[in-house]
Amino acid sequence: MRMIEIEVVGKGKALAKLDERNPKIREAFFQALPMEGIATLWGEEVYFGVPIRMENENPSPSTVAGDICYWLPGPAFCIFFGKTQPYSAVNSIGKVTQGMEIFKSVASGDRIVLSRR
């Protein structure tokens, strides 16, 4: 089982379990860790640019709270923590399993660090 830690510097940490919805993207993403970015907010979604460029695998136009996804147009890593739906199709790679409440306190400009757990 692959897990990642999502740290919002100065605000807390969350854990996410990677899953099988987009295995090629998930694996490329996991192998690229650690990485970090600067948060941007769009409704109840936190996202930031990532240094991974892959084609869509099994994109979906919708998400549920807790989904973590790769968005090709960015390319970006996205964390959905409420009812906001993606601007366009995303490739879900896992789900937040602990600490989702920290994303409600994220502000644009916060530093986010992703690492293997």
Protein backbone atom coordinates (compact mmCIF):
# COMPACT_ATOMS: atom_id res chain seq x y z
CA MET A 1 0.00 0.00 0.00
CA ARG A 2 1.39 3.38 -1.01
CA MET A 3 0.78 6.32 1.32
CA ILE A 4 1.79 9.95 1.06
CA GLU A 5 2.02 12.68 3.65
CA ILE A 6 0.66 16.10 2.72
CA GLU A 7 2.10 18.84 4.93
CA VAL A 8 0.68 22.33 4.88
CA VAL A 9 3.70 24.08 6.40
CA GLY A 10 2.76 25.72 9.70
CA LYS A 11 -0.78 24.31 9.68
CA GLY A 12 -0.54 20.53 9.92
CA LYS A 13 -0.30 17.24 8.07
CA ALA A 14 -2.67 14.83 6.37
CA LEU A 15 -2.23 11.29 5.08
CA ALA A 16 -3.50 9.92 1.79
CA LYS A 17 -3.70 6.37 0.48
CA LEU A 18 -2.92 5.96 -3.21
CA ASP A 19 -5.31 3.73 -5.17
CA GLU A 20 -5.80 1.97 -8.52
CA ARG A 21 -7.98 4.43 -10.45
CA ASN A 22 -5.02 5.75 -12.51
CA PRO A 23 -2.11 3.38 -11.82
CA LYS A 24 0.41 4.78 -14.33
CA ILE A 25 -0.03 8.36 -13.14
CA ARG A 26 -0.11 7.24 -9.49
CA GLU A 27 3.19 5.40 -9.88
CA ALA A 28 4.92 8.25 -11.74
CA PHE A 29 3.71 10.65 -9.08
CA PHE A 30 4.88 8.43 -6.21
CA GLN A 31 8.32 7.96 -7.80
CA ALA A 32 8.71 11.75 -8.16
CA LEU A 33 8.25 12.38 -4.41
CA PRO A 34 9.23 14.38 -2.45
CA MET A 35 7.92 17.57 -4.04
CA GLU A 36 6.44 20.84 -2.91
CA GLY A 37 4.42 23.71 -4.22
CA ILE A 38 2.58 26.89 -3.39
CA ALA A 39 -1.14 26.48 -2.74
CA THR A 40 -3.84 28.01 -4.89
CA LEU A 41 -7.51 27.75 -3.93
CA TRP A 42 -10.50 27.20 -6.17
CA GLY A 43 -13.64 26.77 -4.08
CA GLU A 44 -13.07 23.77 -1.83
CA GLU A 45 -10.04 22.60 -3.77
CA VAL A 46 -6.35 23.18 -3.07
CA TYR A 47 -3.95 22.73 -5.98
CA PHE A 48 -0.41 23.52 -7.06
CA GLY A 49 1.79 22.91 -10.08
CA VAL A 50 3.89 19.74 -10.30
CA PRO A 51 6.90 18.76 -12.45
CA ILE A 52 5.11 15.76 -13.98
CA ARG A 53 3.73 15.78 -17.53
CA MET A 54 1.64 12.72 -18.45
CA GLU A 55 -1.34 12.10 -20.70
CA ASN A 56 -4.73 11.50 -19.11
CA GLU A 57 -5.21 7.87 -18.11
CA ASN A 58 -8.79 7.41 -16.81
CA PRO A 59 -9.97 11.00 -16.36
CA SER A 60 -13.18 11.77 -14.51
CA PRO A 61 -15.30 14.94 -14.62
CA SER A 62 -16.27 14.59 -10.94
CA THR A 63 -14.71 14.00 -7.52
CA VAL A 64 -15.75 13.49 -3.92
CA ALA A 65 -14.32 15.17 -0.84
CA GLY A 66 -10.98 13.60 0.00
CA ASP A 67 -9.94 12.78 -3.56
CA ILE A 68 -6.38 13.66 -4.57
CA CYS A 69 -5.88 14.02 -8.30
CA TYR A 70 -3.54 14.89 -11.15
CA TRP A 71 -4.85 17.59 -13.49
CA LEU A 72 -3.14 17.57 -16.88
CA PRO A 73 -3.71 21.18 -18.02
CA GLY A 74 -1.69 22.48 -15.04
CA PRO A 75 -0.12 20.07 -14.66
CA ALA A 76 -1.20 20.14 -11.03
CA PHE A 77 -1.78 18.11 -7.88
CA CYS A 78 -5.30 18.71 -6.54
CA ILE A 79 -6.88 18.04 -3.16
CA PHE A 80 -10.69 18.18 -3.08
CA PHE A 81 -11.99 18.78 0.45
CA GLY A 82 -15.62 19.79 -0.11
CA LYS A 83 -18.33 19.99 -2.74
CA THR A 84 -16.29 21.81 -5.42
CA GLN A 85 -16.00 19.84 -8.67
CA PRO A 86 -13.03 19.98 -11.05
CA TYR A 87 -12.80 22.72 -13.66
CA SER A 88 -12.14 19.92 -16.17
CA ALA A 89 -11.49 16.18 -15.97
CA VAL A 90 -8.94 14.97 -13.41
CA ASN A 91 -7.09 11.69 -12.85
CA SER A 92 -7.80 10.53 -9.30
CA ILE A 93 -4.81 8.83 -7.67
CA GLY A 94 -5.90 8.43 -4.04
CA LYS A 95 -7.88 9.60 -1.06
CA VAL A 96 -7.12 11.55 2.11
CA THR A 97 -7.53 9.15 5.03
CA GLN A 98 -6.46 11.38 7.95
CA GLY A 99 -6.28 15.10 8.60
CA MET A 100 -8.65 16.40 5.94
CA GLU A 101 -9.75 19.23 8.25
CA ILE A 102 -6.44 21.07 7.70
CA PHE A 103 -7.38 21.92 4.12
CA LYS A 104 -10.14 24.25 5.34
CA SER A 105 -7.40 26.47 6.82
CA VAL A 106 -5.20 26.59 3.70
CA ALA A 107 -4.66 30.02 2.17
CA SER A 108 -3.32 30.81 -1.29
CA GLY A 109 0.44 31.11 -0.95
CA ASP A 110 0.82 28.42 1.75
CA ARG A 111 3.67 25.99 1.11
CA ILE A 112 2.67 22.34 0.72
CA VAL A 113 5.19 19.50 0.95
CA LEU A 114 4.41 16.00 -0.32
CA SER A 115 6.46 12.99 0.75
CA ARG A 116 6.32 9.21 0.85
CA ARG A 117 5.03 7.73 4.04
